[in-house]
Amino acid sequence: MTHVTLKAGGTWEGLYKVFNIASATFTDTVTKFIRLLSPKLYADQVQAQADRTQMRTAMTSGHAFSNFPCALYAVDVTFQQSFCPGGPIQENGKYYSGKHHLYGLKVEVSVNTHGFAINCSDHAKGATHDVSMFKDNKPFHLGRMIKLPGDESLQDNGPISDKYPDQWAILADKGYQGMANYLRCIHPKKGKNLTRAELVNNDKISSDRVLVENYFGRLNMLWRVTADKFRWSEALYDDVFRLCVALTNYNISINPLRDQNGDWYRQSQHNLIQLGPAIKEKRRLQQAKYRAKKKRRLETSIEDLGGEDDANEDSLIQYSQEF
């Protein structure tokens, strides 16, 4: 049941009807299994991969990044649409993503050069900046970037190696501006007046970092619960996401990542970004239609009472308030 639940996603109501089981029984059973399996499989499939992620292994096996062989892994944040929480705007506004124009949750995932996830952060609210999530997850990054004994014999001519001689680099996207001041983080430069050399360097970073997008694509292709709108309790989100990440790592061990996974993810993100404005426009049209119908209804009421034909909107509003 748990496997089907992760595959199908959706609401609890739609899922328990598939198995013809009482709602409370089904929800409690699946929730208990998720909470039981998630930490165990995460340790076996994700944390174990993190322990095996070493620069010497990447270089000797031919799996180092092609443009930045000094980078140990790549990192990025994924956004998932979720419920619109109740309460005051000061609270539910923290879940609203200005980029997607949707309410949702975000998770930072790190992927090594072999295509396996080696870390999955706690989820954050949709309005949280990528840099803030990176800083909150700084203990993990510091622990993994440190060069191991014997790594000094490995070649390292990568960017900012002089500033961080004891660290291997990590690759990130444009949302991580300024992180190079804290860690050895390589990210594209932002701006309208970039030089040709800077544009070429940005392309090289994106070319290596695409591995993370390929991973997100495989994750969302396998598990609809991470790709569709998340409709369950926020308290269960970390366990659900980490369980899916662990199972995805196992899948990749049998079937390595493909470029098509990244293409699928980028298309799904494009559709998600378009969804937000579409919802806002639909709401605007509904409100305009409601106001027009209300105005016609008030005008008809005044005419029935013998009012003037040219009654302005203020008088209509005053009339409606009296009733």
C-alpha atoms as a PDB file:
ATOM      1  CA  MET A   1       0.000   0.000   0.000  1.00  0.00           C
ATOM      2  CA  THR A   2       2.818   2.404   0.859  1.00  0.00           C
ATOM      3  CA  HIS A   3       4.486   1.871  -2.506  1.00  0.00           C
ATOM      4  CA  VAL A   4       1.256   2.538  -4.390  1.00  0.00           C
ATOM      5  CA  THR A   5       0.582   5.585  -2.217  1.00  0.00           C
ATOM      6  CA  LEU A   6       3.951   7.131  -3.100  1.00  0.00           C
ATOM      7  CA  LYS A   7       3.488   6.278  -6.755  1.00  0.00           C
ATOM      8  CA  ALA A   8      -0.033   7.672  -7.024  1.00  0.00           C
ATOM      9  CA  GLY A   9       0.103  10.686  -4.699  1.00  0.00           C
ATOM     10  CA  GLY A  10      -3.087  12.720  -4.464  1.00  0.00           C
ATOM     11  CA  THR A  11      -5.408  12.904  -1.471  1.00  0.00           C
ATOM     12  CA  TRP A  12      -5.965  10.317   1.231  1.00  0.00           C
ATOM     13  CA  GLU A  13      -9.615  10.079   0.190  1.00  0.00           C
ATOM     14  CA  GLY A  14      -8.718   9.086  -3.347  1.00  0.00           C
ATOM     15  CA  LEU A  15      -6.179   6.527  -2.151  1.00  0.00           C
ATOM     16  CA  TYR A  16      -8.106   4.609   0.499  1.00  0.00           C
ATOM     17  CA  LYS A  17     -10.961   4.038  -1.942  1.00  0.00           C
ATOM     18  CA  VAL A  18      -8.566   2.136  -4.211  1.00  0.00           C
ATOM     19  CA  PHE A  19      -7.961  -0.451  -1.482  1.00  0.00           C
ATOM     20  CA  ASN A  20     -11.514  -0.350  -0.117  1.00  0.00           C
ATOM     21  CA  ILE A  21     -10.216   0.288   3.408  1.00  0.00           C
ATOM     22  CA  ALA A  22     -11.623   2.621   6.030  1.00  0.00           C
ATOM     23  CA  SER A  23     -10.127   6.087   5.823  1.00  0.00           C
ATOM     24  CA  ALA A  24      -8.675   6.234   9.344  1.00  0.00           C
ATOM     25  CA  THR A  25      -7.230   2.713   9.130  1.00  0.00           C
ATOM     26  CA  PHE A  26      -5.585   3.330   5.772  1.00  0.00           C
ATOM     27  CA  THR A  27      -4.139   6.724   6.731  1.00  0.00           C
ATOM     28  CA  ASP A  28      -2.745   5.486  10.053  1.00  0.00           C
ATOM     29  CA  THR A  29      -1.225   2.352   8.510  1.00  0.00           C
ATOM     30  CA  VAL A  30       0.519   4.113   5.621  1.00  0.00           C
ATOM     31  CA  THR A  31       1.717   6.954   7.846  1.00  0.00           C
ATOM     32  CA  LYS A  32       3.266   4.503  10.317  1.00  0.00           C
ATOM     33  CA  PHE A  33       5.025   2.624   7.502  1.00  0.00           C
ATOM     34  CA  ILE A  34       6.402   5.862   6.040  1.00  0.00           C
ATOM     35  CA  ARG A  35       7.734   6.999   9.417  1.00  0.00           C
ATOM     36  CA  LEU A  36       9.242   3.546   9.995  1.00  0.00           C
ATOM     37  CA  LEU A  37      10.841   3.074   6.563  1.00  0.00           C
ATOM     38  CA  SER A  38      12.085   6.600   5.899  1.00  0.00           C
ATOM     39  CA  PRO A  39      14.980   6.847   8.407  1.00  0.00           C
ATOM     40  CA  LYS A  40      16.108   3.262   7.764  1.00  0.00           C
ATOM     41  CA  LEU A  41      16.218   3.496   3.966  1.00  0.00           C
ATOM     42  CA  TYR A  42      17.623   7.025   4.080  1.00  0.00           C
ATOM     43  CA  ALA A  43      20.562   5.775   6.139  1.00  0.00           C
ATOM     44  CA  ASP A  44      21.117   2.760   3.862  1.00  0.00           C
ATOM     45  CA  GLN A  45      20.717   4.497   0.496  1.00  0.00           C
ATOM     46  CA  VAL A  46      21.608   8.175   1.040  1.00  0.00           C
ATOM     47  CA  GLN A  47      23.902   8.528   4.027  1.00  0.00           C
ATOM     48  CA  ALA A  48      25.854   5.468   2.899  1.00  0.00           C
ATOM     49  CA  GLN A  49      26.389   7.138  -0.490  1.00  0.00           C
ATOM     50  CA  ALA A  50      27.610  10.264   1.293  1.00  0.00           C
ATOM     51  CA  ASP A  51      30.174   8.200   3.196  1.00  0.00           C
ATOM     52  CA  ARG A  52      31.413   6.708  -0.092  1.00  0.00           C
ATOM     53  CA  THR A  53      31.650  10.096  -1.835  1.00  0.00           C
ATOM     54  CA  GLN A  54      35.358  10.892  -2.013  1.00  0.00           C
ATOM     55  CA  MET A  55      37.352  12.889  -4.540  1.00  0.00           C
ATOM     56  CA  ARG A  56      39.952  10.157  -5.010  1.00  0.00           C
ATOM     57  CA  THR A  57      37.227   7.681  -5.944  1.00  0.00           C
ATOM     58  CA  ALA A  58      35.617  10.139  -8.376  1.00  0.00           C
ATOM     59  CA  MET A  59      38.895  10.895 -10.138  1.00  0.00           C
ATOM     60  CA  THR A  60      40.218   7.345 -10.357  1.00  0.00           C
ATOM     61  CA  SER A  61      36.881   5.968 -11.603  1.00  0.00           C
ATOM     62  CA  GLY A  62      36.516   8.647 -14.281  1.00  0.00           C
ATOM     63  CA  HIS A  63      33.365  10.142 -12.748  1.00  0.00           C
ATOM     64  CA  ALA A  64      34.715  13.599 -11.889  1.00  0.00           C
ATOM     65  CA  PHE A  65      32.881  16.606 -13.342  1.00  0.00           C
ATOM     66  CA  SER A  66      34.203  17.317 -16.832  1.00  0.00           C
ATOM     67  CA  ASN A  67      34.565  21.104 -16.506  1.00  0.00           C
ATOM     68  CA  PHE A  68      35.196  21.403 -12.775  1.00  0.00           C
ATOM     69  CA  PRO A  69      36.940  18.224 -11.583  1.00  0.00           C
ATOM     70  CA  CYS A  70      37.666  20.018  -8.300  1.00  0.00           C
ATOM     71  CA  ALA A  71      33.945  19.852  -7.389  1.00  0.00           C
ATOM     72  CA  LEU A  72      32.907  16.978  -5.151  1.00  0.00           C
ATOM     73  CA  TYR A  73      29.152  17.292  -5.681  1.00  0.00           C
ATOM     74  CA  ALA A  74      26.407  19.624  -6.909  1.00  0.00           C
ATOM     75  CA  VAL A  75      23.557  21.149  -4.937  1.00  0.00           C
ATOM     76  CA  ASP A  76      20.185  22.675  -5.796  1.00  0.00           C
ATOM     77  CA  VAL A  77      16.760  23.397  -4.325  1.00  0.00           C
ATOM     78  CA  THR A  78      13.512  21.941  -5.617  1.00  0.00           C
ATOM     79  CA  PHE A  79      10.076  23.516  -5.082  1.00  0.00           C
ATOM     80  CA  GLN A  80       6.828  21.592  -4.694  1.00  0.00           C
ATOM     81  CA  GLN A  81       3.380  23.131  -4.709  1.00  0.00           C
ATOM     82  CA  SER A  82       1.409  22.457  -1.535  1.00  0.00           C
ATOM     83  CA  PHE A  83      -1.638  23.580   0.419  1.00  0.00           C
ATOM     84  CA  CYS A  84      -2.472  27.197   1.172  1.00  0.00           C
ATOM     85  CA  PRO A  85      -2.261  27.320   4.978  1.00  0.00           C
ATOM     86  CA  GLY A  86      -4.855  29.175   6.969  1.00  0.00           C
ATOM     87  CA  GLY A  87      -4.199  31.991   9.383  1.00  0.00           C
ATOM     88  CA  PRO A  88      -3.010  35.577   8.966  1.00  0.00           C
ATOM     89  CA  ILE A  89      -1.187  36.708   5.832  1.00  0.00           C
ATOM     90  CA  GLN A  90       1.997  37.207   7.876  1.00  0.00           C
ATOM     91  CA  GLU A  91       2.124  33.450   8.437  1.00  0.00           C
ATOM     92  CA  ASN A  92       0.780  31.895   5.238  1.00  0.00           C
ATOM     93  CA  GLY A  93       2.780  34.395   3.184  1.00  0.00           C
ATOM     94  CA  LYS A  94       5.930  32.557   4.272  1.00  0.00           C
ATOM     95  CA  TYR A  95       4.805  29.625   2.121  1.00  0.00           C
ATOM     96  CA  TYR A  96       4.317  31.765  -1.001  1.00  0.00           C
ATOM     97  CA  SER A  97       7.023  31.560  -3.665  1.00  0.00           C
ATOM     98  CA  GLY A  98       7.444  34.777  -5.615  1.00  0.00           C
ATOM     99  CA  LYS A  99       9.139  32.869  -8.438  1.00  0.00           C
ATOM    100  CA  HIS A 100       6.350  30.327  -8.901  1.00  0.00           C
ATOM    101  CA  HIS A 101       3.446  32.488  -7.616  1.00  0.00           C
ATOM    102  CA  LEU A 102       2.308  29.437  -5.662  1.00  0.00           C
ATOM    103  CA  TYR A 103       2.230  28.210  -2.078  1.00  0.00           C
ATOM    104  CA  GLY A 104       4.684  25.405  -1.512  1.00  0.00           C
ATOM    105  CA  LEU A 105       7.644  23.777   0.201  1.00  0.00           C
ATOM    106  CA  LYS A 106      11.335  23.644  -0.719  1.00  0.00           C
ATOM    107  CA  VAL A 107      14.092  21.087  -0.152  1.00  0.00           C
ATOM    108  CA  GLU A 108      17.826  21.270  -0.848  1.00  0.00           C
ATOM    109  CA  VAL A 109      19.365  18.115  -2.337  1.00  0.00           C
ATOM    110  CA  SER A 110      23.055  17.362  -2.934  1.00  0.00           C
ATOM    111  CA  VAL A 111      24.050  14.936  -5.717  1.00  0.00           C
ATOM    112  CA  ASN A 112      27.497  13.399  -6.190  1.00  0.00           C
ATOM    113  CA  THR A 113      29.309  12.823  -9.488  1.00  0.00           C
ATOM    114  CA  HIS A 114      27.857   9.309  -9.797  1.00  0.00           C
ATOM    115  CA  GLY A 115      24.311  10.717  -9.794  1.00  0.00           C
ATOM    116  CA  PHE A 116      23.301   9.656  -6.276  1.00  0.00           C
ATOM    117  CA  ALA A 117      21.747  11.954  -3.693  1.00  0.00           C
ATOM    118  CA  ILE A 118      24.029  12.250  -0.660  1.00  0.00           C
ATOM    119  CA  ASN A 119      21.965  14.676   1.406  1.00  0.00           C
ATOM    120  CA  CYS A 120      18.423  15.964   1.715  1.00  0.00           C
ATOM    121  CA  SER A 121      17.801  18.972   3.948  1.00  0.00           C
ATOM    122  CA  ASP A 122      14.784  19.573   6.134  1.00  0.00           C
ATOM    123  CA  HIS A 123      12.021  21.239   4.150  1.00  0.00           C
ATOM    124  CA  ALA A 124      11.587  25.003   4.227  1.00  0.00           C
ATOM    125  CA  LYS A 125       8.628  27.259   3.462  1.00  0.00           C
ATOM    126  CA  GLY A 126       8.231  28.405  -0.131  1.00  0.00           C
ATOM    127  CA  ALA A 127       9.357  31.993   0.475  1.00  0.00           C
ATOM    128  CA  THR A 128      12.707  30.895   1.946  1.00  0.00           C
ATOM    129  CA  HIS A 129      15.733  31.930  -0.122  1.00  0.00           C
ATOM    130  CA  ASP A 130      18.055  29.244  -1.474  1.00  0.00           C
ATOM    131  CA  VAL A 131      21.004  30.889   0.268  1.00  0.00           C
ATOM    132  CA  SER A 132      19.217  30.696   3.623  1.00  0.00           C
ATOM    133  CA  MET A 133      18.610  26.978   3.142  1.00  0.00           C
ATOM    134  CA  PHE A 134      22.259  26.498   2.191  1.00  0.00           C
ATOM    135  CA  LYS A 135      23.413  28.269   5.359  1.00  0.00           C
ATOM    136  CA  ASP A 136      21.054  26.192   7.502  1.00  0.00           C
ATOM    137  CA  ASN A 137      22.594  23.068   5.942  1.00  0.00           C
ATOM    138  CA  LYS A 138      26.139  24.391   6.322  1.00  0.00           C
ATOM    139  CA  PRO A 139      27.271  21.725   8.851  1.00  0.00           C
ATOM    140  CA  PHE A 140      26.729  18.986   6.256  1.00  0.00           C
ATOM    141  CA  HIS A 141      28.576  20.876   3.529  1.00  0.00           C
ATOM    142  CA  LEU A 142      31.518  21.718   5.773  1.00  0.00           C
ATOM    143  CA  GLY A 143      31.820  18.094   6.820  1.00  0.00           C
ATOM    144  CA  ARG A 144      31.863  16.792   3.232  1.00  0.00           C
ATOM    145  CA  MET A 145      33.980  19.449   1.508  1.00  0.00           C
ATOM    146  CA  ILE A 146      37.022  18.996   3.743  1.00  0.00           C
ATOM    147  CA  LYS A 147      39.921  17.302   1.950  1.00  0.00           C
ATOM    148  CA  LEU A 148      40.796  13.914   3.402  1.00  0.00           C
ATOM    149  CA  PRO A 149      44.303  12.798   4.353  1.00  0.00           C
ATOM    150  CA  GLY A 150      46.108  11.973   1.110  1.00  0.00           C
ATOM    151  CA  ASP A 151      43.987  14.300  -1.035  1.00  0.00           C
ATOM    152  CA  GLU A 152      46.841  16.801  -1.155  1.00  0.00           C
ATOM    153  CA  SER A 153      48.401  14.612  -3.853  1.00  0.00           C
ATOM    154  CA  LEU A 154      45.361  15.085  -6.113  1.00  0.00           C
ATOM    155  CA  GLN A 155      45.460  17.899  -8.644  1.00  0.00           C
ATOM    156  CA  ASP A 156      43.359  20.936  -7.757  1.00  0.00           C
ATOM    157  CA  ASN A 157      43.610  23.903 -10.102  1.00  0.00           C
ATOM    158  CA  GLY A 158      39.968  24.911  -9.742  1.00  0.00           C
ATOM    159  CA  PRO A 159      38.465  28.296  -8.840  1.00  0.00           C
ATOM    160  CA  ILE A 160      39.176  29.887  -5.426  1.00  0.00           C
ATOM    161  CA  SER A 161      41.452  27.018  -4.413  1.00  0.00           C
ATOM    162  CA  ASP A 162      43.865  29.599  -3.006  1.00  0.00           C
ATOM    163  CA  LYS A 163      41.173  30.939  -0.647  1.00  0.00           C
ATOM    164  CA  TYR A 164      39.992  27.486   0.460  1.00  0.00           C
ATOM    165  CA  PRO A 165      43.032  25.179   0.099  1.00  0.00           C
ATOM    166  CA  ASP A 166      41.559  22.579   2.490  1.00  0.00           C
ATOM    167  CA  GLN A 167      38.190  22.236   0.720  1.00  0.00           C
ATOM    168  CA  TRP A 168      36.901  20.640  -2.442  1.00  0.00           C
ATOM    169  CA  ALA A 169      34.359  22.725  -4.325  1.00  0.00           C
ATOM    170  CA  ILE A 170      30.620  22.300  -4.758  1.00  0.00           C
ATOM    171  CA  LEU A 171      28.563  23.431  -7.755  1.00  0.00           C
ATOM    172  CA  ALA A 172      25.424  25.534  -7.326  1.00  0.00           C
ATOM    173  CA  ASP A 173      23.080  27.654  -9.445  1.00  0.00           C
ATOM    174  CA  LYS A 174      22.552  31.425  -9.652  1.00  0.00           C
ATOM    175  CA  GLY A 175      20.420  31.434  -6.522  1.00  0.00           C
ATOM    176  CA  TYR A 176      23.536  30.945  -4.388  1.00  0.00           C
ATOM    177  CA  GLN A 177      25.121  34.336  -5.048  1.00  0.00           C
ATOM    178  CA  GLY A 178      27.641  35.326  -2.392  1.00  0.00           C
ATOM    179  CA  MET A 179      28.162  31.859  -0.930  1.00  0.00           C
ATOM    180  CA  ALA A 180      31.780  31.873  -2.128  1.00  0.00           C
ATOM    181  CA  ASN A 181      32.425  34.248   0.774  1.00  0.00           C
ATOM    182  CA  TYR A 182      31.664  31.437   3.231  1.00  0.00           C
ATOM    183  CA  LEU A 183      32.529  28.167   1.459  1.00  0.00           C
ATOM    184  CA  ARG A 184      34.206  27.009  -1.726  1.00  0.00           C
ATOM    185  CA  CYS A 185      31.039  27.316  -3.771  1.00  0.00           C
ATOM    186  CA  ILE A 186      31.199  27.687  -7.559  1.00  0.00           C
ATOM    187  CA  HIS A 187      28.104  29.300  -9.061  1.00  0.00           C
ATOM    188  CA  PRO A 188      27.243  31.237 -12.257  1.00  0.00           C
ATOM    189  CA  LYS A 189      27.488  35.004 -12.227  1.00  0.00           C
ATOM    190  CA  LYS A 190      24.354  37.129 -12.573  1.00  0.00           C
ATOM    191  CA  GLY A 191      24.024  40.367 -14.501  1.00  0.00           C
ATOM    192  CA  LYS A 192      23.129  41.862 -17.860  1.00  0.00           C
ATOM    193  CA  ASN A 193      26.617  43.014 -18.840  1.00  0.00           C
ATOM    194  CA  LEU A 194      28.624  39.817 -18.451  1.00  0.00           C
ATOM    195  CA  THR A 195      31.763  39.337 -20.506  1.00  0.00           C
ATOM    196  CA  ARG A 196      32.050  36.568 -23.047  1.00  0.00           C
ATOM    197  CA  ALA A 197      34.414  34.686 -20.740  1.00  0.00           C
ATOM    198  CA  GLU A 198      31.897  34.909 -17.888  1.00  0.00           C
ATOM    199  CA  LEU A 199      29.096  33.629 -20.117  1.00  0.00           C
ATOM    200  CA  VAL A 200      31.241  30.695 -21.219  1.00  0.00           C
ATOM    201  CA  ASN A 201      32.080  29.921 -17.595  1.00  0.00           C
ATOM    202  CA  ASN A 202      28.376  30.044 -16.678  1.00  0.00           C
ATOM    203  CA  ASP A 203      27.633  27.514 -19.415  1.00  0.00           C
ATOM    204  CA  LYS A 204      30.343  25.207 -18.099  1.00  0.00           C
ATOM    205  CA  ILE A 205      28.921  25.353 -14.585  1.00  0.00           C
ATOM    206  CA  SER A 206      25.413  24.637 -15.860  1.00  0.00           C
ATOM    207  CA  SER A 207      26.712  21.753 -17.962  1.00  0.00           C
ATOM    208  CA  ASP A 208      28.205  20.020 -14.917  1.00  0.00           C
ATOM    209  CA  ARG A 209      25.408  20.980 -12.551  1.00  0.00           C
ATOM    210  CA  VAL A 210      22.712  19.528 -14.832  1.00  0.00           C
ATOM    211  CA  LEU A 211      23.257  16.294 -12.914  1.00  0.00           C
ATOM    212  CA  VAL A 212      21.025  17.627 -10.125  1.00  0.00           C
ATOM    213  CA  GLU A 213      18.203  18.426 -12.552  1.00  0.00           C
ATOM    214  CA  ASN A 214      18.518  14.923 -13.972  1.00  0.00           C
ATOM    215  CA  TYR A 215      18.131  13.588 -10.448  1.00  0.00           C
ATOM    216  CA  PHE A 216      15.040  15.691  -9.738  1.00  0.00           C
ATOM    217  CA  GLY A 217      13.585  14.480 -13.025  1.00  0.00           C
ATOM    218  CA  ARG A 218      14.053  10.826 -12.085  1.00  0.00           C
ATOM    219  CA  LEU A 219      12.673  11.480  -8.593  1.00  0.00           C
ATOM    220  CA  ASN A 220       9.495  13.096  -9.893  1.00  0.00           C
ATOM    221  CA  MET A 221       9.027  10.579 -12.693  1.00  0.00           C
ATOM    222  CA  LEU A 222       9.086   7.722 -10.187  1.00  0.00           C
ATOM    223  CA  TRP A 223       7.003   9.243  -7.392  1.00  0.00           C
ATOM    224  CA  ARG A 224       3.971  11.371  -8.094  1.00  0.00           C
ATOM    225  CA  VAL A 225       3.773  12.337  -4.430  1.00  0.00           C
ATOM    226  CA  THR A 226       6.885  14.527  -4.961  1.00  0.00           C
ATOM    227  CA  ALA A 227       5.831  15.813  -8.388  1.00  0.00           C
ATOM    228  CA  ASP A 228       2.159  16.639  -7.854  1.00  0.00           C
ATOM    229  CA  LYS A 229       0.665  19.088  -5.381  1.00  0.00           C
ATOM    230  CA  PHE A 230       1.420  17.887  -1.854  1.00  0.00           C
ATOM    231  CA  ARG A 231      -1.915  17.464  -0.082  1.00  0.00           C
ATOM    232  CA  TRP A 232      -0.892  15.724   3.129  1.00  0.00           C
ATOM    233  CA  SER A 233       0.217  17.051   6.512  1.00  0.00           C
ATOM    234  CA  GLU A 234       3.340  19.207   6.497  1.00  0.00           C
ATOM    235  CA  ALA A 235       4.575  17.237   9.524  1.00  0.00           C
ATOM    236  CA  LEU A 236       4.905  14.165   7.277  1.00  0.00           C
ATOM    237  CA  TYR A 237       6.672  15.921   4.400  1.00  0.00           C
ATOM    238  CA  ASP A 238      10.299  15.289   5.400  1.00  0.00           C
ATOM    239  CA  ASP A 239       9.702  11.572   5.914  1.00  0.00           C
ATOM    240  CA  VAL A 240       7.882  11.262   2.592  1.00  0.00           C
ATOM    241  CA  PHE A 241      10.499  13.172   0.619  1.00  0.00           C
ATOM    242  CA  ARG A 242      13.459  11.355   2.166  1.00  0.00           C
ATOM    243  CA  LEU A 243      11.841   7.983   1.608  1.00  0.00           C
ATOM    244  CA  CYS A 244      11.339   8.828  -2.070  1.00  0.00           C
ATOM    245  CA  VAL A 245      14.948  10.058  -2.349  1.00  0.00           C
ATOM    246  CA  ALA A 246      16.222   6.813  -0.822  1.00  0.00           C
ATOM    247  CA  LEU A 247      14.138   4.685  -3.188  1.00  0.00           C
ATOM    248  CA  THR A 248      15.294   6.824  -6.129  1.00  0.00           C
ATOM    249  CA  ASN A 249      18.927   6.173  -5.207  1.00  0.00           C
ATOM    250  CA  TYR A 250      18.230   2.445  -5.327  1.00  0.00           C
ATOM    251  CA  ASN A 251      16.580   2.849  -8.729  1.00  0.00           C
ATOM    252  CA  ILE A 252      19.613   4.766 -10.041  1.00  0.00           C
ATOM    253  CA  SER A 253      21.931   1.988  -8.864  1.00  0.00           C
ATOM    254  CA  ILE A 254      20.129  -0.266 -11.351  1.00  0.00           C
ATOM    255  CA  ASN A 255      19.274   2.290 -14.038  1.00  0.00           C
ATOM    256  CA  PRO A 256      21.696   5.279 -14.155  1.00  0.00           C
ATOM    257  CA  LEU A 257      20.447   8.817 -14.808  1.00  0.00           C
ATOM    258  CA  ARG A 258      19.729   9.956 -18.351  1.00  0.00           C
ATOM    259  CA  ASP A 259      19.559  13.401 -19.961  1.00  0.00           C
ATOM    260  CA  GLN A 260      15.857  12.790 -20.611  1.00  0.00           C
ATOM    261  CA  ASN A 261      15.286  12.931 -16.850  1.00  0.00           C
ATOM    262  CA  GLY A 262      16.540  16.515 -16.782  1.00  0.00           C
ATOM    263  CA  ASP A 263      14.477  17.471 -19.830  1.00  0.00           C
ATOM    264  CA  TRP A 264      11.357  16.148 -18.121  1.00  0.00           C
ATOM    265  CA  TYR A 265      12.138  18.078 -14.923  1.00  0.00           C
ATOM    266  CA  ARG A 266      12.787  21.371 -16.721  1.00  0.00           C
ATOM    267  CA  GLN A 267       9.510  21.024 -18.620  1.00  0.00           C
ATOM    268  CA  SER A 268       7.593  20.290 -15.420  1.00  0.00           C
ATOM    269  CA  GLN A 269       9.163  23.326 -13.716  1.00  0.00           C
ATOM    270  CA  HIS A 270       8.236  25.494 -16.698  1.00  0.00           C
ATOM    271  CA  ASN A 271       4.633  24.298 -16.429  1.00  0.00           C
ATOM    272  CA  LEU A 272       4.664  24.946 -12.675  1.00  0.00           C
ATOM    273  CA  ILE A 273       5.888  28.528 -13.133  1.00  0.00           C
ATOM    274  CA  GLN A 274       3.119  29.135 -15.682  1.00  0.00           C
ATOM    275  CA  LEU A 275       0.511  27.667 -13.333  1.00  0.00           C
ATOM    276  CA  GLY A 276       0.821  30.433 -10.734  1.00  0.00           C
ATOM    277  CA  PRO A 277      -0.028  33.380 -13.040  1.00  0.00           C
ATOM    278  CA  ALA A 278      -2.799  31.301 -14.630  1.00  0.00           C
ATOM    279  CA  ILE A 279      -4.413  30.759 -11.222  1.00  0.00           C
ATOM    280  CA  LYS A 280      -4.139  34.485 -10.400  1.00  0.00           C
ATOM    281  CA  GLU A 281      -5.717  35.452 -13.731  1.00  0.00           C
ATOM    282  CA  LYS A 282      -8.555  32.975 -13.229  1.00  0.00           C
ATOM    283  CA  ARG A 283      -9.210  34.415  -9.765  1.00  0.00           C
ATOM    284  CA  ARG A 284      -9.155  37.964 -11.155  1.00  0.00           C
ATOM    285  CA  LEU A 285     -11.726  37.094 -13.827  1.00  0.00           C
ATOM    286  CA  GLN A 286     -13.961  35.389 -11.265  1.00  0.00           C
ATOM    287  CA  GLN A 287     -13.848  38.448  -9.002  1.00  0.00           C
ATOM    288  CA  ALA A 288     -14.586  40.787 -11.919  1.00  0.00           C
ATOM    289  CA  LYS A 289     -17.526  38.607 -12.942  1.00  0.00           C
ATOM    290  CA  TYR A 290     -18.842  38.608  -9.368  1.00  0.00           C
ATOM    291  CA  ARG A 291     -18.600  42.415  -9.084  1.00  0.00           C
ATOM    292  CA  ALA A 292     -20.354  42.876 -12.440  1.00  0.00           C
ATOM    293  CA  LYS A 293     -23.218  40.572 -11.423  1.00  0.00           C
ATOM    294  CA  LYS A 294     -23.550  42.333  -8.068  1.00  0.00           C
ATOM    295  CA  LYS A 295     -23.688  45.726  -9.761  1.00  0.00           C
ATOM    296  CA  ARG A 296     -26.401  44.577 -12.188  1.00  0.00           C
ATOM    297  CA  ARG A 297     -28.391  43.107  -9.305  1.00  0.00           C
ATOM    298  CA  LEU A 298     -28.233  46.386  -7.354  1.00  0.00           C
ATOM    299  CA  GLU A 299     -29.167  48.437 -10.412  1.00  0.00           C
ATOM    300  CA  THR A 300     -32.209  46.229 -10.972  1.00  0.00           C
ATOM    301  CA  SER A 301     -33.229  46.579  -7.320  1.00  0.00           C
ATOM    302  CA  ILE A 302     -33.065  50.391  -7.461  1.00  0.00           C
ATOM    303  CA  GLU A 303     -35.097  50.502 -10.686  1.00  0.00           C
ATOM    304  CA  ASP A 304     -37.759  48.346  -9.053  1.00  0.00           C
ATOM    305  CA  LEU A 305     -37.913  50.876  -6.207  1.00  0.00           C
ATOM    306  CA  GLY A 306     -38.285  53.779  -8.627  1.00  0.00           C
ATOM    307  CA  GLY A 307     -34.707  55.049  -8.340  1.00  0.00           C
ATOM    308  CA  GLU A 308     -32.870  57.097 -10.945  1.00  0.00           C
ATOM    309  CA  ASP A 309     -31.287  55.391 -13.930  1.00  0.00           C
ATOM    310  CA  ASP A 310     -27.995  57.219 -13.487  1.00  0.00           C
ATOM    311  CA  ALA A 311     -27.432  56.155  -9.873  1.00  0.00           C
ATOM    312  CA  ASN A 312     -23.729  56.079  -9.300  1.00  0.00           C
ATOM    313  CA  GLU A 313     -21.719  53.244  -7.802  1.00  0.00           C
ATOM    314  CA  ASP A 314     -21.427  54.941  -4.408  1.00  0.00           C
ATOM    315  CA  SER A 315     -25.186  55.088  -4.018  1.00  0.00           C
ATOM    316  CA  LEU A 316     -25.456  51.449  -5.038  1.00  0.00           C
ATOM    317  CA  ILE A 317     -22.938  50.443  -2.410  1.00  0.00           C
ATOM    318  CA  GLN A 318     -24.739  52.526   0.229  1.00  0.00           C
ATOM    319  CA  TYR A 319     -28.014  50.879  -0.734  1.00  0.00           C
ATOM    320  CA  SER A 320     -26.519  47.399  -0.454  1.00  0.00           C
ATOM    321  CA  GLN A 321     -25.114  48.175   2.985  1.00  0.00           C
ATOM    322  CA  GLU A 322     -28.509  49.243   4.277  1.00  0.00           C
ATOM    323  CA  PHE A 323     -29.798  45.768   3.587  1.00  0.00           C
END
